[in-house]
N, C-alpha and C. Protein backbone atom coordinates (compact mmCIF):
# COMPACT_ATOMS: atom_id res chain seq x y z
N MET A 1 11.74 11.72 -3.02
CA MET A 1 10.39 12.19 -3.19
C MET A 1 9.50 11.50 -2.16
N SER A 2 8.62 12.25 -1.55
CA SER A 2 7.68 11.71 -0.57
C SER A 2 6.50 11.08 -1.28
N GLU A 3 5.87 10.16 -0.59
CA GLU A 3 4.74 9.45 -1.16
C GLU A 3 3.63 9.37 -0.12
N ILE A 4 2.39 9.46 -0.57
CA ILE A 4 1.26 9.32 0.32
C ILE A 4 0.75 7.89 0.20
N ILE A 5 0.64 7.22 1.32
CA ILE A 5 0.19 5.83 1.35
C ILE A 5 -1.01 5.75 2.28
N SER A 6 -2.06 5.11 1.84
CA SER A 6 -3.25 4.95 2.66
C SER A 6 -2.97 3.98 3.80
N LEU A 7 -3.47 4.31 4.98
CA LEU A 7 -3.34 3.43 6.14
C LEU A 7 -4.60 2.62 6.36
N LYS A 8 -5.59 2.80 5.50
CA LYS A 8 -6.89 2.13 5.67
C LYS A 8 -6.79 0.62 5.62
N GLY A 9 -5.92 0.06 4.77
CA GLY A 9 -5.83 -1.38 4.63
C GLY A 9 -4.82 -2.03 5.56
N ILE A 10 -4.18 -1.23 6.40
CA ILE A 10 -3.16 -1.73 7.32
C ILE A 10 -3.81 -2.11 8.64
N SER A 11 -3.40 -3.23 9.21
CA SER A 11 -3.99 -3.68 10.47
C SER A 11 -3.76 -2.66 11.58
N LYS A 12 -4.64 -2.68 12.55
CA LYS A 12 -4.55 -1.76 13.69
C LYS A 12 -3.23 -1.94 14.43
N SER A 13 -2.79 -3.19 14.58
CA SER A 13 -1.52 -3.43 15.30
C SER A 13 -0.33 -2.86 14.52
N THR A 14 -0.38 -2.92 13.19
CA THR A 14 0.69 -2.34 12.39
C THR A 14 0.65 -0.81 12.46
N GLN A 15 -0.55 -0.24 12.47
CA GLN A 15 -0.66 1.22 12.61
C GLN A 15 -0.07 1.66 13.94
N ILE A 16 -0.37 0.93 15.00
CA ILE A 16 0.15 1.28 16.34
C ILE A 16 1.66 1.15 16.36
N ALA A 17 2.19 0.09 15.75
CA ALA A 17 3.64 -0.10 15.70
C ALA A 17 4.31 1.05 14.94
N LEU A 18 3.69 1.49 13.86
CA LEU A 18 4.20 2.62 13.10
C LEU A 18 4.20 3.89 13.94
N LEU A 19 3.11 4.13 14.65
CA LEU A 19 3.05 5.30 15.54
C LEU A 19 4.14 5.26 16.59
N GLU A 20 4.38 4.07 17.16
CA GLU A 20 5.41 3.94 18.19
C GLU A 20 6.79 4.26 17.63
N LYS A 21 7.05 3.87 16.38
CA LYS A 21 8.33 4.20 15.74
C LYS A 21 8.49 5.71 15.58
N LEU A 22 7.37 6.41 15.47
CA LEU A 22 7.39 7.86 15.31
C LEU A 22 7.34 8.61 16.64
N GLY A 23 7.29 7.87 17.75
CA GLY A 23 7.30 8.50 19.06
C GLY A 23 5.92 8.74 19.65
N TYR A 24 4.89 8.17 19.05
CA TYR A 24 3.53 8.29 19.56
C TYR A 24 3.10 6.98 20.20
N LYS A 25 1.91 7.00 20.77
CA LYS A 25 1.29 5.80 21.34
C LYS A 25 -0.15 5.75 20.85
N SER A 26 -0.85 4.67 21.21
CA SER A 26 -2.28 4.57 20.93
C SER A 26 -2.91 3.65 21.95
N ASP A 27 -4.16 3.95 22.28
CA ASP A 27 -4.93 3.08 23.16
C ASP A 27 -5.81 2.14 22.34
N GLY A 28 -5.57 2.12 21.02
CA GLY A 28 -6.38 1.31 20.12
C GLY A 28 -7.51 2.09 19.49
N ILE A 29 -7.78 3.27 20.01
CA ILE A 29 -8.82 4.14 19.45
C ILE A 29 -8.23 5.49 19.05
N PHE A 30 -7.48 6.09 19.97
CA PHE A 30 -6.93 7.43 19.74
C PHE A 30 -5.41 7.39 19.60
N VAL A 31 -4.87 8.42 18.94
CA VAL A 31 -3.43 8.64 18.88
C VAL A 31 -3.06 9.42 20.13
N LEU A 32 -2.02 8.95 20.82
CA LEU A 32 -1.61 9.54 22.09
C LEU A 32 -0.17 10.05 22.00
N ASP A 33 0.15 11.05 22.83
CA ASP A 33 1.53 11.50 22.90
C ASP A 33 2.31 10.56 23.82
N LYS A 34 3.59 10.86 24.06
CA LYS A 34 4.45 10.00 24.88
C LYS A 34 3.93 9.84 26.30
N CYS A 35 3.18 10.83 26.79
CA CYS A 35 2.66 10.78 28.16
C CYS A 35 1.28 10.13 28.24
N GLY A 36 0.72 9.73 27.10
CA GLY A 36 -0.59 9.09 27.09
C GLY A 36 -1.76 10.04 26.90
N ASN A 37 -1.48 11.30 26.59
CA ASN A 37 -2.54 12.28 26.34
C ASN A 37 -2.99 12.20 24.88
N LYS A 38 -4.27 12.38 24.64
CA LYS A 38 -4.80 12.36 23.28
C LYS A 38 -4.21 13.52 22.49
N ILE A 39 -3.81 13.24 21.25
CA ILE A 39 -3.33 14.28 20.35
C ILE A 39 -4.57 14.97 19.76
N ILE A 40 -4.61 16.28 19.88
CA ILE A 40 -5.73 17.07 19.37
C ILE A 40 -5.34 17.66 18.02
N ASP A 41 -6.15 17.41 17.01
CA ASP A 41 -5.90 17.96 15.68
C ASP A 41 -6.12 19.46 15.72
N LYS A 42 -5.14 20.21 15.20
CA LYS A 42 -5.23 21.68 15.30
C LYS A 42 -6.30 22.28 14.40
N TYR A 43 -6.74 21.55 13.40
CA TYR A 43 -7.75 22.09 12.48
C TYR A 43 -9.18 21.72 12.89
N THR A 44 -9.37 20.49 13.36
CA THR A 44 -10.72 20.08 13.78
C THR A 44 -10.95 20.27 15.26
N ASN A 45 -9.85 20.48 16.00
CA ASN A 45 -9.89 20.65 17.46
C ASN A 45 -10.52 19.44 18.15
N THR A 46 -10.32 18.26 17.58
CA THR A 46 -10.82 17.02 18.15
C THR A 46 -9.66 16.02 18.27
N PRO A 47 -9.79 15.05 19.16
CA PRO A 47 -8.75 14.02 19.26
C PRO A 47 -8.64 13.23 17.96
N ILE A 48 -7.42 12.90 17.59
CA ILE A 48 -7.19 12.14 16.36
C ILE A 48 -7.42 10.66 16.64
N LYS A 49 -8.30 10.06 15.86
CA LYS A 49 -8.60 8.64 16.01
C LYS A 49 -7.67 7.83 15.11
N LEU A 50 -7.32 6.66 15.58
CA LEU A 50 -6.44 5.76 14.86
C LEU A 50 -6.99 5.44 13.48
N ASP A 51 -8.31 5.26 13.38
CA ASP A 51 -8.90 4.88 12.10
C ASP A 51 -9.14 6.06 11.16
N ASN A 52 -8.73 7.28 11.56
CA ASN A 52 -8.91 8.44 10.70
C ASN A 52 -7.67 9.34 10.72
N MET A 53 -6.50 8.72 10.92
CA MET A 53 -5.29 9.52 10.99
C MET A 53 -4.56 9.50 9.65
N ALA A 54 -3.80 10.54 9.44
CA ALA A 54 -2.89 10.63 8.30
C ALA A 54 -1.51 10.93 8.87
N ILE A 55 -0.51 10.23 8.37
CA ILE A 55 0.87 10.49 8.77
C ILE A 55 1.56 11.15 7.60
N LEU A 56 2.06 12.34 7.84
CA LEU A 56 2.68 13.14 6.80
C LEU A 56 4.20 13.06 6.90
N PRO A 57 4.90 13.46 5.84
CA PRO A 57 6.37 13.48 5.91
C PRO A 57 6.82 14.26 7.14
N GLY A 58 7.82 13.75 7.79
CA GLY A 58 8.32 14.36 9.02
C GLY A 58 7.66 13.78 10.26
N GLY A 59 6.77 12.80 10.07
CA GLY A 59 6.13 12.15 11.20
C GLY A 59 5.00 12.93 11.82
N ILE A 60 4.45 13.88 11.07
CA ILE A 60 3.32 14.67 11.55
C ILE A 60 2.06 13.84 11.43
N VAL A 61 1.29 13.77 12.50
CA VAL A 61 0.04 13.01 12.50
C VAL A 61 -1.12 14.00 12.61
N ILE A 62 -2.05 13.90 11.64
CA ILE A 62 -3.24 14.75 11.66
C ILE A 62 -4.46 13.90 11.36
N ASP A 63 -5.61 14.49 11.58
CA ASP A 63 -6.88 13.87 11.21
C ASP A 63 -7.01 13.96 9.69
N GLU A 64 -7.41 12.88 9.03
CA GLU A 64 -7.55 12.91 7.57
C GLU A 64 -8.48 14.03 7.10
N ASP A 65 -9.46 14.38 7.91
CA ASP A 65 -10.39 15.44 7.54
C ASP A 65 -9.69 16.80 7.46
N SER A 66 -8.49 16.90 8.01
CA SER A 66 -7.73 18.15 8.02
C SER A 66 -6.70 18.23 6.91
N LEU A 67 -6.60 17.21 6.11
CA LEU A 67 -5.53 17.14 5.12
C LEU A 67 -5.54 18.32 4.16
N LEU A 68 -6.68 18.68 3.64
CA LEU A 68 -6.75 19.81 2.71
C LEU A 68 -6.33 21.11 3.38
N LYS A 69 -6.81 21.36 4.58
CA LYS A 69 -6.45 22.60 5.29
C LYS A 69 -4.96 22.62 5.60
N TYR A 70 -4.41 21.46 5.99
CA TYR A 70 -2.97 21.38 6.26
C TYR A 70 -2.19 21.73 4.99
N MET A 71 -2.62 21.17 3.86
CA MET A 71 -1.93 21.43 2.61
C MET A 71 -2.00 22.90 2.22
N GLU A 72 -3.14 23.53 2.46
CA GLU A 72 -3.27 24.95 2.17
C GLU A 72 -2.29 25.77 3.01
N ASP A 73 -2.16 25.40 4.28
CA ASP A 73 -1.28 26.14 5.19
C ASP A 73 0.21 25.90 4.91
N HIS A 74 0.53 24.78 4.28
CA HIS A 74 1.93 24.40 4.07
C HIS A 74 2.27 24.22 2.59
N ILE A 75 1.61 24.97 1.72
CA ILE A 75 1.78 24.79 0.28
C ILE A 75 3.23 24.98 -0.16
N ASP A 76 3.95 25.92 0.43
CA ASP A 76 5.35 26.15 0.04
C ASP A 76 6.21 24.94 0.39
N ASP A 77 6.00 24.36 1.55
CA ASP A 77 6.75 23.16 1.95
C ASP A 77 6.44 22.00 1.02
N ILE A 78 5.18 21.85 0.68
CA ILE A 78 4.76 20.75 -0.20
C ILE A 78 5.36 20.89 -1.59
N LEU A 79 5.33 22.11 -2.12
CA LEU A 79 5.89 22.33 -3.45
C LEU A 79 7.40 22.12 -3.48
N SER A 80 8.06 22.33 -2.37
CA SER A 80 9.52 22.16 -2.35
C SER A 80 9.94 20.71 -2.41
N ILE A 81 9.02 19.76 -2.07
CA ILE A 81 9.38 18.35 -2.11
C ILE A 81 8.83 17.65 -3.35
N VAL A 82 8.04 18.37 -4.14
CA VAL A 82 7.45 17.76 -5.35
C VAL A 82 8.42 17.83 -6.49
């Protein structure tokens, strides 16, 4: 079963280390892809900031403000793991 864990209380260096394990990078402010480009959230169309990111099962990184919209779009996937 998957679990949602808040990243708010985790240090910035630990958040960056976690991103690196998932194949991402960070400049300390934004989440970056392997080439150093800012990851753009598909729902807000803005770069994902380290202090407002959510990491979902499968290593998907989105802006926390997009969580509800993401869940609406992927309700069947979510229900299959509950």
